[in-house]
Amino acid sequence: MTDRMGQEATVLEDELPTRHVLTLAIAQRLVAAGLAQAEQRGLNHLVIGVCDEAGRLISFARQDAAEPAAIDMCLAKARTAAIFTRPTKEWKERLLAGNTWVLGMPNMHPIEGGQNIVVAGQTVGGLGIAGGSGVLDTEIGQAALAEVIRTGPGTS
């Protein structure tokens, strides 16, 4: 391969960064953990979704009594948490503190219930829960993350 100047263009493998990637199997485990948390609380109306770091859906589940609107809310929460690399609760709190500029950010949904999924200090995706209160959605999401994404050597 040559560059624009006609010189050989090469990239050494060790020049490229190594990234963690959220797999389908892990995304499905997160969804299952969220469903188990909901069932332990006697809930049957939640929607749970997991997306990759770019906000694209990997895994999804809708409980039988979930409202149709909860589907879009769930996906928006997961996407916001992933692409903005922080829980959606933080954006909600900024908005409530009077920072209305939050509403002008593309793909921003400052509603509680979205968690960014962090491995080794890097956001690898987002988990969205919708259908309950924002506080309940957050609690279930945090519990699912704690069950599936464990820290250990080389992670944070």
N, C-alpha and C. Protein backbone atom coordinates (compact mmCIF):
# COMPACT_ATOMS: atom_id res chain seq x y z
N MET A 1 0.85 -1.16 0.00
CA MET A 1 0.00 0.00 0.00
C MET A 1 0.90 1.24 0.00
N THR A 2 0.53 2.24 -0.78
CA THR A 2 1.32 3.47 -0.80
C THR A 2 0.47 4.63 -0.36
N ASP A 3 1.15 5.67 0.18
CA ASP A 3 0.43 6.87 0.59
C ASP A 3 0.35 7.83 -0.58
N ARG A 4 -0.14 9.04 -0.35
CA ARG A 4 -0.31 10.02 -1.43
C ARG A 4 1.01 10.42 -2.08
N MET A 5 2.09 10.31 -1.36
CA MET A 5 3.39 10.72 -1.88
C MET A 5 4.07 9.56 -2.61
N GLY A 6 3.41 8.43 -2.73
CA GLY A 6 3.96 7.29 -3.42
C GLY A 6 4.91 6.47 -2.57
N GLN A 7 4.97 6.79 -1.29
CA GLN A 7 5.85 6.04 -0.39
C GLN A 7 5.07 4.90 0.24
N GLU A 8 5.82 3.87 0.59
CA GLU A 8 5.21 2.72 1.24
C GLU A 8 4.57 3.15 2.56
N ALA A 9 3.30 2.85 2.75
CA ALA A 9 2.58 3.18 3.98
C ALA A 9 2.34 1.90 4.76
N THR A 10 2.88 1.83 5.94
CA THR A 10 2.68 0.64 6.76
C THR A 10 2.28 1.05 8.17
N VAL A 11 1.55 0.19 8.78
CA VAL A 11 1.18 0.36 10.19
C VAL A 11 1.60 -0.91 10.90
N LEU A 12 2.39 -0.73 11.91
CA LEU A 12 2.80 -1.88 12.70
C LEU A 12 1.70 -2.24 13.68
N GLU A 13 1.50 -3.52 13.86
CA GLU A 13 0.44 -3.98 14.75
C GLU A 13 0.54 -3.37 16.14
N ASP A 14 1.76 -3.22 16.65
CA ASP A 14 1.91 -2.67 18.00
C ASP A 14 1.67 -1.17 18.07
N GLU A 15 1.47 -0.52 16.92
CA GLU A 15 1.12 0.91 16.91
C GLU A 15 -0.37 1.14 17.17
N LEU A 16 -1.15 0.11 16.96
CA LEU A 16 -2.60 0.23 17.13
C LEU A 16 -2.98 -0.07 18.58
N PRO A 17 -3.92 0.70 19.12
CA PRO A 17 -4.34 0.44 20.51
C PRO A 17 -5.17 -0.84 20.60
N THR A 18 -5.15 -1.44 21.76
CA THR A 18 -5.99 -2.60 22.05
C THR A 18 -7.24 -2.11 22.76
N ARG A 19 -8.40 -2.60 22.31
CA ARG A 19 -9.66 -2.18 22.90
C ARG A 19 -10.44 -3.38 23.39
N HIS A 20 -11.20 -3.15 24.44
CA HIS A 20 -12.14 -4.16 24.89
C HIS A 20 -13.44 -3.98 24.11
N VAL A 21 -14.08 -5.08 23.78
CA VAL A 21 -15.31 -5.04 23.00
C VAL A 21 -16.39 -5.80 23.76
N LEU A 22 -17.56 -5.23 23.81
CA LEU A 22 -18.70 -5.87 24.46
C LEU A 22 -19.25 -6.94 23.51
N THR A 23 -19.21 -8.19 23.94
CA THR A 23 -19.67 -9.29 23.09
C THR A 23 -21.16 -9.53 23.26
N LEU A 24 -21.72 -10.27 22.32
CA LEU A 24 -23.13 -10.64 22.40
C LEU A 24 -23.38 -11.46 23.66
N ALA A 25 -22.49 -12.39 23.99
CA ALA A 25 -22.68 -13.23 25.17
C ALA A 25 -22.75 -12.39 26.44
N ILE A 26 -21.88 -11.41 26.58
CA ILE A 26 -21.89 -10.56 27.78
C ILE A 26 -23.13 -9.67 27.78
N ALA A 27 -23.50 -9.14 26.61
CA ALA A 27 -24.70 -8.31 26.53
C ALA A 27 -25.93 -9.12 26.95
N GLN A 28 -26.00 -10.36 26.51
CA GLN A 28 -27.14 -11.22 26.88
C GLN A 28 -27.13 -11.52 28.38
N ARG A 29 -25.95 -11.68 28.97
CA ARG A 29 -25.87 -11.90 30.42
C ARG A 29 -26.35 -10.66 31.17
N LEU A 30 -26.03 -9.48 30.67
CA LEU A 30 -26.50 -8.24 31.31
C LEU A 30 -28.02 -8.15 31.25
N VAL A 31 -28.59 -8.47 30.10
CA VAL A 31 -30.05 -8.45 29.96
C VAL A 31 -30.67 -9.47 30.91
N ALA A 32 -30.12 -10.66 30.97
CA ALA A 32 -30.65 -11.70 31.86
C ALA A 32 -30.55 -11.27 33.32
N ALA A 33 -29.44 -10.63 33.68
CA ALA A 33 -29.28 -10.15 35.07
C ALA A 33 -30.31 -9.07 35.39
N GLY A 34 -30.56 -8.19 34.43
CA GLY A 34 -31.58 -7.16 34.63
C GLY A 34 -32.97 -7.75 34.78
N LEU A 35 -33.28 -8.74 33.95
CA LEU A 35 -34.58 -9.41 34.06
C LEU A 35 -34.72 -10.11 35.41
N ALA A 36 -33.66 -10.75 35.87
CA ALA A 36 -33.70 -11.43 37.17
C ALA A 36 -33.93 -10.42 38.30
N GLN A 37 -33.28 -9.26 38.21
CA GLN A 37 -33.48 -8.22 39.21
C GLN A 37 -34.94 -7.75 39.20
N ALA A 38 -35.50 -7.58 38.02
CA ALA A 38 -36.90 -7.15 37.91
C ALA A 38 -37.83 -8.20 38.51
N GLU A 39 -37.59 -9.45 38.17
CA GLU A 39 -38.44 -10.52 38.68
C GLU A 39 -38.35 -10.65 40.20
N GLN A 40 -37.16 -10.44 40.75
CA GLN A 40 -37.00 -10.49 42.21
C GLN A 40 -37.84 -9.41 42.89
N ARG A 41 -38.07 -8.32 42.18
CA ARG A 41 -38.87 -7.22 42.72
C ARG A 41 -40.35 -7.36 42.35
N GLY A 42 -40.69 -8.44 41.68
CA GLY A 42 -42.08 -8.67 41.29
C GLY A 42 -42.54 -7.82 40.12
N LEU A 43 -41.60 -7.37 39.29
CA LEU A 43 -41.94 -6.49 38.16
C LEU A 43 -42.05 -7.29 36.87
N ASN A 44 -42.99 -6.89 36.02
CA ASN A 44 -43.13 -7.54 34.72
C ASN A 44 -43.39 -6.52 33.60
N HIS A 45 -42.93 -5.28 33.80
CA HIS A 45 -43.23 -4.23 32.83
C HIS A 45 -41.99 -3.44 32.39
N LEU A 46 -40.81 -4.06 32.52
CA LEU A 46 -39.59 -3.34 32.16
C LEU A 46 -39.06 -3.76 30.79
N VAL A 47 -38.25 -2.89 30.23
CA VAL A 47 -37.54 -3.15 28.99
C VAL A 47 -36.06 -2.95 29.29
N ILE A 48 -35.23 -3.86 28.80
CA ILE A 48 -33.80 -3.84 29.08
C ILE A 48 -33.05 -3.96 27.77
N GLY A 49 -32.10 -3.06 27.54
CA GLY A 49 -31.32 -3.11 26.31
C GLY A 49 -29.86 -2.82 26.55
N VAL A 50 -29.02 -3.43 25.73
CA VAL A 50 -27.57 -3.22 25.80
C VAL A 50 -27.09 -2.84 24.41
N CYS A 51 -26.27 -1.80 24.36
CA CYS A 51 -25.69 -1.37 23.09
C CYS A 51 -24.17 -1.32 23.19
N ASP A 52 -23.52 -1.22 22.05
CA ASP A 52 -22.06 -1.12 22.02
C ASP A 52 -21.63 0.32 22.28
N GLU A 53 -20.34 0.59 22.19
CA GLU A 53 -19.82 1.93 22.51
C GLU A 53 -20.31 3.00 21.55
N ALA A 54 -20.79 2.62 20.39
CA ALA A 54 -21.32 3.57 19.42
C ALA A 54 -22.83 3.74 19.55
N GLY A 55 -23.43 3.04 20.51
CA GLY A 55 -24.86 3.18 20.73
C GLY A 55 -25.71 2.27 19.86
N ARG A 56 -25.11 1.24 19.28
CA ARG A 56 -25.87 0.31 18.42
C ARG A 56 -26.30 -0.91 19.23
N LEU A 57 -27.53 -1.29 19.09
CA LEU A 57 -28.14 -2.37 19.87
C LEU A 57 -27.42 -3.70 19.69
N ILE A 58 -27.18 -4.38 20.83
CA ILE A 58 -26.60 -5.72 20.81
C ILE A 58 -27.63 -6.73 21.32
N SER A 59 -28.28 -6.43 22.44
CA SER A 59 -29.23 -7.37 23.04
C SER A 59 -30.38 -6.59 23.68
N PHE A 60 -31.54 -7.24 23.76
CA PHE A 60 -32.75 -6.52 24.16
C PHE A 60 -33.78 -7.51 24.68
N ALA A 61 -34.55 -7.09 25.69
CA ALA A 61 -35.68 -7.89 26.16
C ALA A 61 -36.79 -6.96 26.64
N ARG A 62 -38.02 -7.39 26.38
CA ARG A 62 -39.20 -6.63 26.79
C ARG A 62 -40.09 -7.56 27.60
N GLN A 63 -40.34 -7.19 28.85
CA GLN A 63 -41.23 -8.01 29.67
C GLN A 63 -42.66 -7.89 29.13
N ASP A 64 -43.46 -8.87 29.47
CA ASP A 64 -44.81 -8.99 28.89
C ASP A 64 -45.69 -7.76 29.07
N ALA A 65 -45.63 -7.10 30.19
CA ALA A 65 -46.52 -5.97 30.46
C ALA A 65 -45.88 -4.61 30.18
N ALA A 66 -44.76 -4.60 29.48
CA ALA A 66 -44.08 -3.33 29.19
C ALA A 66 -44.89 -2.48 28.22
N GLU A 67 -44.90 -1.19 28.47
CA GLU A 67 -45.57 -0.26 27.56
C GLU A 67 -44.71 -0.05 26.31
N PRO A 68 -45.33 0.15 25.16
CA PRO A 68 -44.57 0.36 23.94
C PRO A 68 -43.57 1.53 24.03
N ALA A 69 -43.94 2.59 24.72
CA ALA A 69 -43.04 3.75 24.83
C ALA A 69 -41.75 3.41 25.56
N ALA A 70 -41.80 2.41 26.43
CA ALA A 70 -40.61 2.03 27.20
C ALA A 70 -39.51 1.48 26.30
N ILE A 71 -39.87 0.93 25.15
CA ILE A 71 -38.87 0.39 24.22
C ILE A 71 -37.94 1.51 23.76
N ASP A 72 -38.50 2.58 23.23
CA ASP A 72 -37.68 3.69 22.75
C ASP A 72 -36.92 4.36 23.89
N MET A 73 -37.54 4.46 25.05
CA MET A 73 -36.87 5.06 26.20
C MET A 73 -35.65 4.24 26.60
N CYS A 74 -35.81 2.94 26.63
CA CYS A 74 -34.71 2.04 27.00
C CYS A 74 -33.53 2.21 26.04
N LEU A 75 -33.81 2.18 24.76
CA LEU A 75 -32.74 2.29 23.77
C LEU A 75 -32.07 3.66 23.84
N ALA A 76 -32.85 4.71 24.07
CA ALA A 76 -32.29 6.06 24.19
C ALA A 76 -31.38 6.17 25.41
N LYS A 77 -31.79 5.56 26.51
CA LYS A 77 -30.97 5.59 27.73
C LYS A 77 -29.65 4.85 27.52
N ALA A 78 -29.71 3.67 26.92
CA ALA A 78 -28.50 2.88 26.68
C ALA A 78 -27.55 3.64 25.74
N ARG A 79 -28.10 4.19 24.67
CA ARG A 79 -27.28 4.93 23.69
C ARG A 79 -26.64 6.16 24.32
N THR A 80 -27.40 6.92 25.08
CA THR A 80 -26.86 8.12 25.73
C THR A 80 -25.74 7.76 26.68
N ALA A 81 -25.93 6.74 27.50
CA ALA A 81 -24.90 6.33 28.46
C ALA A 81 -23.64 5.88 27.74
N ALA A 82 -23.80 5.18 26.62
CA ALA A 82 -22.63 4.68 25.88
C ALA A 82 -21.87 5.81 25.20
N ILE A 83 -22.55 6.63 24.42
CA ILE A 83 -21.83 7.61 23.60
C ILE A 83 -21.36 8.82 24.40
N PHE A 84 -21.99 9.09 25.53
CA PHE A 84 -21.54 10.20 26.38
C PHE A 84 -20.74 9.69 27.58
N THR A 85 -20.49 8.40 27.64
CA THR A 85 -19.61 7.72 28.60
C THR A 85 -19.88 8.03 30.07
N ARG A 86 -21.13 8.17 30.41
CA ARG A 86 -21.50 8.35 31.83
C ARG A 86 -22.97 8.02 31.99
N PRO A 87 -23.37 7.72 33.22
CA PRO A 87 -24.78 7.39 33.46
C PRO A 87 -25.70 8.56 33.09
N THR A 88 -26.89 8.23 32.61
CA THR A 88 -27.83 9.27 32.22
C THR A 88 -28.30 10.09 33.41
N LYS A 89 -28.21 9.53 34.59
CA LYS A 89 -28.59 10.28 35.80
C LYS A 89 -27.75 11.55 35.94
N GLU A 90 -26.49 11.49 35.57
CA GLU A 90 -25.62 12.67 35.64
C GLU A 90 -26.13 13.78 34.73
N TRP A 91 -26.61 13.42 33.55
CA TRP A 91 -27.13 14.43 32.62
C TRP A 91 -28.45 15.01 33.13
N LYS A 92 -29.28 14.14 33.73
CA LYS A 92 -30.54 14.62 34.31
C LYS A 92 -30.26 15.64 35.41
N GLU A 93 -29.28 15.33 36.26
CA GLU A 93 -28.94 16.24 37.35
C GLU A 93 -28.39 17.57 36.84
N ARG A 94 -27.61 17.53 35.77
CA ARG A 94 -27.12 18.78 35.18
C ARG A 94 -28.28 19.63 34.65
N LEU A 95 -29.22 18.96 34.00
CA LEU A 95 -30.38 19.67 33.47
C LEU A 95 -31.20 20.28 34.61
N LEU A 96 -31.44 19.51 35.66
CA LEU A 96 -32.22 20.01 36.79
C LEU A 96 -31.50 21.15 37.51
N ALA A 97 -30.19 21.21 37.37
CA ALA A 97 -29.41 22.30 37.98
C ALA A 97 -29.44 23.57 37.12
N GLY A 98 -30.18 23.52 36.02
CA GLY A 98 -30.34 24.70 35.18
C GLY A 98 -29.48 24.73 33.93
N ASN A 99 -28.73 23.68 33.67
CA ASN A 99 -27.88 23.61 32.48
C ASN A 99 -28.71 23.15 31.27
N THR A 100 -29.50 24.04 30.73
CA THR A 100 -30.40 23.67 29.64
C THR A 100 -29.67 23.35 28.34
N TRP A 101 -28.38 23.68 28.25
CA TRP A 101 -27.60 23.35 27.05
C TRP A 101 -27.57 21.84 26.82
N VAL A 102 -27.80 21.06 27.88
CA VAL A 102 -27.83 19.61 27.76
C VAL A 102 -28.86 19.19 26.70
N LEU A 103 -29.97 19.89 26.62
CA LEU A 103 -31.04 19.54 25.69
C LEU A 103 -30.65 19.76 24.23
N GLY A 104 -29.62 20.56 24.00
CA GLY A 104 -29.18 20.83 22.63
C GLY A 104 -28.16 19.85 22.09
N MET A 105 -27.73 18.90 22.90
CA MET A 105 -26.72 17.95 22.47
C MET A 105 -27.37 16.84 21.64
N PRO A 106 -26.81 16.54 20.46
CA PRO A 106 -27.40 15.48 19.62
C PRO A 106 -27.41 14.13 20.34
N ASN A 107 -28.49 13.41 20.18
CA ASN A 107 -28.66 12.08 20.76
C ASN A 107 -28.63 12.06 22.29
N MET A 108 -28.90 13.18 22.91
CA MET A 108 -28.89 13.29 24.37
C MET A 108 -30.30 13.04 24.91
N HIS A 109 -30.39 12.13 25.86
CA HIS A 109 -31.65 11.86 26.55
C HIS A 109 -31.36 11.86 28.04
N PRO A 110 -31.50 13.02 28.69
CA PRO A 110 -31.14 13.15 30.10
C PRO A 110 -32.22 12.63 31.05
N ILE A 111 -32.47 11.34 30.94
CA ILE A 111 -33.47 10.69 31.78
C ILE A 111 -32.80 9.53 32.51
N GLU A 112 -33.07 9.41 33.77
CA GLU A 112 -32.39 8.41 34.59
C GLU A 112 -32.75 6.99 34.16
N GLY A 113 -31.75 6.09 34.22
CA GLY A 113 -31.97 4.68 33.91
C GLY A 113 -30.97 4.11 32.92
N GLY A 114 -30.01 4.91 32.47
CA GLY A 114 -28.97 4.42 31.57
C GLY A 114 -27.62 4.39 32.27
N GLN A 115 -26.91 3.28 32.10
CA GLN A 115 -25.59 3.12 32.71
C GLN A 115 -24.56 2.87 31.61
N ASN A 116 -23.42 3.56 31.68
CA ASN A 116 -22.35 3.19 30.77
C ASN A 116 -21.66 1.95 31.32
N ILE A 117 -21.23 1.09 30.44
CA ILE A 117 -20.57 -0.16 30.82
C ILE A 117 -19.07 0.07 30.68
N VAL A 118 -18.36 -0.01 31.80
CA VAL A 118 -16.94 0.32 31.83
C VAL A 118 -16.11 -0.92 32.12
N VAL A 119 -15.10 -1.15 31.28
CA VAL A 119 -14.14 -2.23 31.47
C VAL A 119 -12.74 -1.63 31.32
N ALA A 120 -11.91 -1.83 32.31
CA ALA A 120 -10.53 -1.33 32.30
C ALA A 120 -10.50 0.18 32.03
N GLY A 121 -11.45 0.89 32.63
CA GLY A 121 -11.48 2.34 32.49
C GLY A 121 -12.02 2.85 31.17
N GLN A 122 -12.51 1.97 30.33
CA GLN A 122 -13.02 2.34 29.00
C GLN A 122 -14.50 1.99 28.89
N THR A 123 -15.30 2.93 28.40
CA THR A 123 -16.71 2.62 28.15
C THR A 123 -16.81 1.74 26.92
N VAL A 124 -17.41 0.57 27.10
CA VAL A 124 -17.54 -0.39 26.00
C VAL A 124 -18.99 -0.52 25.52
N GLY A 125 -19.91 0.17 26.22
CA GLY A 125 -21.31 0.09 25.82
C GLY A 125 -22.21 0.77 26.82
N GLY A 126 -23.49 0.57 26.63
CA GLY A 126 -24.48 1.16 27.52
C GLY A 126 -25.59 0.17 27.84
N LEU A 127 -26.12 0.28 29.05
CA LEU A 127 -27.24 -0.54 29.51
C LEU A 127 -28.39 0.40 29.82
N GLY A 128 -29.53 0.16 29.20
CA GLY A 128 -30.71 0.98 29.44
C GLY A 128 -31.83 0.16 30.04
N ILE A 129 -32.48 0.70 31.06
CA ILE A 129 -33.64 0.07 31.67
C ILE A 129 -34.76 1.12 31.62
N ALA A 130 -35.95 0.71 31.22
CA ALA A 130 -37.08 1.63 31.17
C ALA A 130 -38.35 0.90 31.56
N GLY A 131 -39.31 1.67 32.04
CA GLY A 131 -40.61 1.13 32.40
C GLY A 131 -40.96 1.33 33.86
N GLY A 132 -39.93 1.54 34.69
CA GLY A 132 -40.16 1.84 36.09
C GLY A 132 -39.89 3.31 36.32
N SER A 133 -39.73 3.69 37.56
CA SER A 133 -39.29 5.06 37.83
C SER A 133 -37.82 5.15 37.44
N GLY A 134 -37.32 6.34 37.23
CA GLY A 134 -35.91 6.50 36.90
C GLY A 134 -35.01 5.92 37.97
N VAL A 135 -35.39 6.12 39.23
CA VAL A 135 -34.60 5.60 40.35
C VAL A 135 -34.58 4.07 40.31
N LEU A 136 -35.74 3.46 40.11
CA LEU A 136 -35.82 1.99 40.05
C LEU A 136 -35.04 1.46 38.84
N ASP A 137 -35.18 2.11 37.69
CA ASP A 137 -34.44 1.69 36.50
C ASP A 137 -32.93 1.72 36.77
N THR A 138 -32.48 2.77 37.45
CA THR A 138 -31.06 2.91 37.78
C THR A 138 -30.62 1.81 38.74
N GLU A 139 -31.41 1.56 39.77
CA GLU A 139 -31.07 0.51 40.75
C GLU A 139 -30.92 -0.85 40.07
N ILE A 140 -31.84 -1.18 39.20
CA ILE A 140 -31.79 -2.48 38.52
C ILE A 140 -30.59 -2.54 37.59
N GLY A 141 -30.32 -1.46 36.88
CA GLY A 141 -29.16 -1.43 35.99
C GLY A 141 -27.85 -1.57 36.75
N GLN A 142 -27.72 -0.87 37.86
CA GLN A 142 -26.50 -0.96 38.66
C GLN A 142 -26.32 -2.37 39.22
N ALA A 143 -27.40 -2.99 39.66
CA ALA A 143 -27.32 -4.36 40.19
C ALA A 143 -26.92 -5.35 39.09
N ALA A 144 -27.47 -5.19 37.91
CA ALA A 144 -27.11 -6.08 36.78
C ALA A 144 -25.64 -5.91 36.42
N LEU A 145 -25.17 -4.67 36.38
CA LEU A 145 -23.76 -4.43 36.08
C LEU A 145 -22.85 -5.04 37.14
N ALA A 146 -23.21 -4.87 38.41
CA ALA A 146 -22.39 -5.41 39.49
C ALA A 146 -22.31 -6.93 39.43
N GLU A 147 -23.38 -7.55 38.96
CA GLU A 147 -23.40 -9.02 38.87
C GLU A 147 -22.55 -9.54 37.71
N VAL A 148 -22.55 -8.83 36.59
CA VAL A 148 -21.91 -9.33 35.37
C VAL A 148 -20.51 -8.75 35.13
N ILE A 149 -20.36 -7.46 35.32
CA ILE A 149 -19.07 -6.81 35.04
C ILE A 149 -18.33 -6.67 36.36
N ARG A 150 -17.41 -7.57 36.59
CA ARG A 150 -16.64 -7.55 37.84
C ARG A 150 -15.27 -6.98 37.57
N THR A 151 -14.76 -6.26 38.55
CA THR A 151 -13.41 -5.73 38.42
C THR A 151 -12.41 -6.74 38.93
N GLY A 152 -11.25 -6.69 38.37
CA GLY A 152 -10.18 -7.58 38.78
C GLY A 152 -8.87 -7.03 38.27
N PRO A 153 -7.83 -7.85 38.22
CA PRO A 153 -6.54 -7.36 37.73
C PRO A 153 -6.68 -6.77 36.32
N GLY A 154 -6.19 -5.57 36.16
CA GLY A 154 -6.23 -4.91 34.86
C GLY A 154 -7.53 -4.23 34.54
N THR A 155 -8.49 -4.21 35.46
CA THR A 155 -9.76 -3.54 35.21
C THR A 155 -9.99 -2.50 36.28
N SER A 156 -10.97 -1.64 36.03
CA SER A 156 -11.32 -0.65 37.06
C SER A 156 -12.81 -0.56 37.20
